[in-house]
Amino acid sequence: MNNNLLNKDAVFLRQAKVDDVGALEQLLNRCYRETAGWTNEADLVGGIRITQSELASIIDNPKHYLFVYPKTTTGSQDGDETDELLGCIAVDIKVDADANEKAYIGMFAVHPDLQGCGVGNVILEAAETFAERHLQGNDQPSRLTMSILSHRPELLAYYQRRGYQLNGNEMPFPDDGNNGEPKRQDLALLELEKIVSS
């Protein structure tokens, strides 16, 4: 990959299309299940992260917004897309038991060659801005949530530096065969939350 064409100031996102499913599957499974990059879960979870049919269903869901950062011939938005994706992130608008809307941020991935260059920060900020705008008008602060695997102190620290805090919600890693195979019995999903006042 020619990193001379890539820098965080050139990052742009667009909404995912069905045509992106193959590249999305490749990016997510590489970032989560292979050992490249610092954000992978390869030591904690085996198997695939997501399938093409699951991705197509997410793209088709009007309450679920999946954004991608496509690679282009020039490294900027004015270039032609190359059919490779350099990053992605999802914003899922959920309604809790009290009928309050919140935004769940997930499927956050950055190509391993670009990790540590600030690209992830730009993608996360863009998703947060989108979520905050979507939640405005509810006469309450915007709540952004996400889940991370336990036993990932460096990832927890990354999100805490960006204003997310553990909210006490925790659930065992789902051992249903749909999310990969846990490699340790005590693996859990920890929920993080960021409250944004409008």
Protein backbone atom coordinates (compact mmCIF):
# COMPACT_ATOMS: atom_id res chain seq x y z
CA MET A 1 0.00 0.00 0.00
CA ASN A 2 1.38 3.39 -0.97
CA ASN A 3 1.11 5.36 2.26
CA ASN A 4 2.28 8.50 0.45
CA LEU A 5 -1.24 8.74 -0.91
CA LEU A 6 -2.80 8.35 2.52
CA ASN A 7 -3.05 10.75 5.42
CA LYS A 8 -5.63 11.50 8.06
CA ASP A 9 -6.51 14.86 6.51
CA ALA A 10 -7.70 13.07 3.38
CA VAL A 11 -10.09 10.71 5.22
CA PHE A 12 -13.67 10.86 4.02
CA LEU A 13 -16.65 8.61 4.64
CA ARG A 14 -19.62 7.63 2.56
CA GLN A 15 -22.53 5.37 3.34
CA ALA A 16 -21.90 1.72 2.54
CA LYS A 17 -23.58 0.15 -0.48
CA VAL A 18 -24.36 -3.48 -1.24
CA ASP A 19 -21.42 -3.42 -3.68
CA ASP A 20 -19.11 -2.89 -0.66
CA VAL A 21 -20.07 -6.15 1.07
CA GLY A 22 -17.08 -8.19 -0.15
CA ALA A 23 -14.52 -5.50 0.73
CA LEU A 24 -16.21 -4.91 4.09
CA GLU A 25 -16.09 -8.59 4.96
CA GLN A 26 -12.40 -8.69 4.08
CA LEU A 27 -11.57 -5.54 6.09
CA LEU A 28 -13.50 -6.53 9.22
CA ASN A 29 -12.26 -10.09 9.35
CA ARG A 30 -8.68 -8.93 8.77
CA CYS A 31 -8.81 -6.21 11.42
CA TYR A 32 -10.57 -8.30 14.07
CA ARG A 33 -9.37 -11.85 13.50
CA GLU A 34 -5.87 -11.65 12.00
CA THR A 35 -2.80 -10.61 13.99
CA ALA A 36 -1.94 -7.46 12.00
CA GLY A 37 -2.41 -4.10 13.72
CA TRP A 38 -2.92 -3.32 17.40
CA THR A 39 -6.74 -3.49 17.45
CA ASN A 40 -7.20 -7.15 16.56
CA GLU A 41 -8.87 -9.72 18.81
CA ALA A 42 -6.99 -12.75 17.42
CA ASP A 43 -5.70 -13.83 20.85
CA LEU A 44 -9.20 -13.69 22.35
CA VAL A 45 -11.61 -14.80 19.61
CA GLY A 46 -11.20 -17.17 16.67
CA GLY A 47 -13.34 -17.76 13.58
CA ILE A 48 -14.83 -15.11 11.35
CA ARG A 49 -16.06 -11.73 12.57
CA ILE A 50 -18.93 -11.26 10.11
CA THR A 51 -20.42 -12.72 6.93
CA GLN A 52 -21.48 -11.06 3.68
CA SER A 53 -25.15 -11.86 4.37
CA GLU A 54 -24.94 -10.17 7.79
CA LEU A 55 -23.36 -7.11 6.21
CA ALA A 56 -26.02 -6.95 3.49
CA SER A 57 -28.72 -7.08 6.18
CA ILE A 58 -27.07 -4.21 8.10
CA ILE A 59 -26.79 -2.07 4.97
CA ASP A 60 -30.47 -2.73 4.25
CA ASN A 61 -31.59 -1.67 7.78
CA PRO A 62 -32.81 1.96 7.78
CA LYS A 63 -31.91 2.44 11.48
CA HIS A 64 -28.37 1.18 10.99
CA TYR A 65 -25.89 3.46 9.27
CA LEU A 66 -22.69 1.86 8.02
CA PHE A 67 -19.99 4.17 6.72
CA VAL A 68 -16.87 3.28 4.77
CA TYR A 69 -13.58 4.98 3.95
CA PRO A 70 -12.77 3.88 0.39
CA LYS A 71 -9.27 3.83 -1.04
CA THR A 72 -8.94 6.01 -4.13
CA THR A 73 -6.36 6.40 -6.89
CA THR A 74 -5.31 9.81 -5.56
CA GLY A 75 -5.70 9.18 -1.83
CA SER A 76 -8.42 11.83 -1.63
CA GLN A 77 -12.13 12.10 -2.29
CA ASP A 78 -11.67 13.36 -5.85
CA GLY A 79 -9.93 10.15 -6.99
CA ASP A 80 -11.49 7.02 -8.43
CA GLU A 81 -12.32 4.33 -5.90
CA THR A 82 -10.20 1.17 -6.12
CA ASP A 83 -12.73 -1.26 -4.55
CA GLU A 84 -10.55 -1.55 -1.42
CA LEU A 85 -11.75 -0.16 1.91
CA LEU A 86 -9.39 1.45 4.39
CA GLY A 87 -11.84 1.84 7.25
CA CYS A 88 -15.43 1.53 8.37
CA ILE A 89 -17.72 2.35 11.28
CA ALA A 90 -21.39 1.81 12.05
CA VAL A 91 -23.94 3.88 13.94
CA ASP A 92 -27.00 1.97 15.08
CA ILE A 93 -29.87 4.08 16.43
CA LYS A 94 -31.50 2.18 19.29
CA VAL A 95 -34.41 2.92 21.61
CA ASP A 96 -34.04 1.89 25.26
CA ALA A 97 -36.74 0.69 27.68
CA ASP A 98 -37.66 4.31 28.55
CA ALA A 99 -38.18 5.18 24.85
CA ASN A 100 -34.98 7.24 24.77
CA GLU A 101 -32.88 7.06 21.64
CA LYS A 102 -29.18 6.31 21.85
CA ALA A 103 -26.54 5.64 19.25
CA TYR A 104 -24.54 2.42 19.36
CA ILE A 105 -21.18 2.66 17.61
CA GLY A 106 -19.73 -0.58 16.28
CA MET A 107 -17.91 -2.34 13.45
CA PHE A 108 -15.11 0.21 13.80
CA ALA A 109 -12.09 -0.87 11.78
CA VAL A 110 -9.02 0.75 10.24
CA HIS A 111 -6.74 -1.04 7.79
CA PRO A 112 -3.73 -2.33 9.80
CA ASP A 113 -1.29 -0.35 7.62
CA LEU A 114 -3.00 2.88 8.70
CA GLN A 115 -3.40 2.18 12.41
CA GLY A 116 -1.61 4.64 14.66
CA CYS A 117 -1.70 7.44 12.04
CA GLY A 118 -4.78 9.27 13.37
CA VAL A 119 -7.13 7.84 10.73
CA GLY A 120 -9.22 6.07 13.37
CA ASN A 121 -9.65 9.29 15.35
CA VAL A 122 -11.04 11.04 12.27
CA ILE A 123 -13.44 8.17 11.51
CA LEU A 124 -14.67 7.96 15.11
CA GLU A 125 -15.20 11.73 15.33
CA ALA A 126 -17.19 11.68 12.10
CA ALA A 127 -19.43 8.88 13.40
CA GLU A 128 -19.93 10.70 16.70
CA THR A 129 -20.88 13.91 14.91
CA PHE A 130 -23.37 12.01 12.75
CA ALA A 131 -24.87 10.32 15.83
CA GLU A 132 -25.14 13.58 17.78
CA ARG A 133 -26.93 15.30 14.88
CA HIS A 134 -29.30 12.35 14.54
CA LEU A 135 -30.13 12.42 18.26
CA GLN A 136 -30.57 16.21 18.52
CA GLY A 137 -34.04 17.44 19.36
CA ASN A 138 -34.70 14.81 22.01
CA ASP A 139 -34.47 17.45 24.79
CA GLN A 140 -31.80 15.36 26.52
CA PRO A 141 -28.07 14.79 26.19
CA SER A 142 -27.01 12.44 23.42
CA ARG A 143 -25.88 9.01 24.61
CA LEU A 144 -23.25 7.21 22.56
CA THR A 145 -22.52 3.60 23.51
CA MET A 146 -20.24 0.82 22.34
CA SER A 147 -19.01 -2.56 23.52
CA ILE A 148 -15.45 -3.80 23.74
CA LEU A 149 -13.99 -7.13 24.76
CA SER A 150 -12.66 -7.52 28.26
CA HIS A 151 -8.91 -8.14 28.56
CA ARG A 152 -8.18 -5.29 26.12
CA PRO A 153 -6.75 -2.59 28.43
CA GLU A 154 -5.07 -0.70 25.55
CA LEU A 155 -8.37 -0.46 23.66
CA LEU A 156 -10.25 0.61 26.79
CA ALA A 157 -7.62 3.32 27.35
CA TYR A 158 -8.01 4.51 23.74
CA TYR A 159 -11.75 5.04 24.18
CA GLN A 160 -11.40 6.55 27.65
CA ARG A 161 -9.07 9.17 26.18
CA ARG A 162 -11.93 10.02 23.83
CA GLY A 163 -14.48 10.51 26.62
CA TYR A 164 -16.02 7.04 26.90
CA GLN A 165 -16.44 5.46 30.33
CA LEU A 166 -17.44 2.02 31.52
CA ASN A 167 -21.09 2.19 32.60
CA GLY A 168 -21.17 -1.09 34.54
CA ASN A 169 -23.09 -3.06 31.92
CA GLU A 170 -21.33 -6.31 31.11
CA MET A 171 -22.40 -9.50 29.39
CA PRO A 172 -20.62 -12.78 28.70
CA PHE A 173 -19.27 -13.09 25.18
CA PRO A 174 -22.06 -14.71 23.13
CA ASP A 175 -21.00 -18.30 22.51
CA ASP A 176 -23.59 -18.90 19.80
CA GLY A 177 -21.27 -19.49 16.87
CA ASN A 178 -22.35 -16.23 15.21
CA ASN A 179 -19.63 -14.01 16.68
CA GLY A 180 -16.57 -16.19 16.47
CA GLU A 181 -15.28 -18.66 19.02
CA PRO A 182 -14.03 -17.31 22.37
CA LYS A 183 -10.56 -18.54 23.30
CA ARG A 184 -11.05 -18.04 27.04
CA GLN A 185 -13.97 -18.79 29.34
CA ASP A 186 -14.03 -15.44 31.16
CA LEU A 187 -14.37 -13.32 28.02
CA ALA A 188 -17.02 -10.60 28.35
CA LEU A 189 -18.36 -7.58 26.49
CA LEU A 190 -18.03 -4.34 28.44
CA GLU A 191 -20.29 -1.41 27.57
CA LEU A 192 -18.83 2.07 27.29
CA GLU A 193 -20.86 5.25 27.21
CA LYS A 194 -20.23 8.87 26.30
CA ILE A 195 -22.78 11.55 27.15
CA VAL A 196 -22.73 14.55 24.83
CA SER A 197 -24.68 17.64 25.84
CA SER A 198 -26.14 19.52 22.90
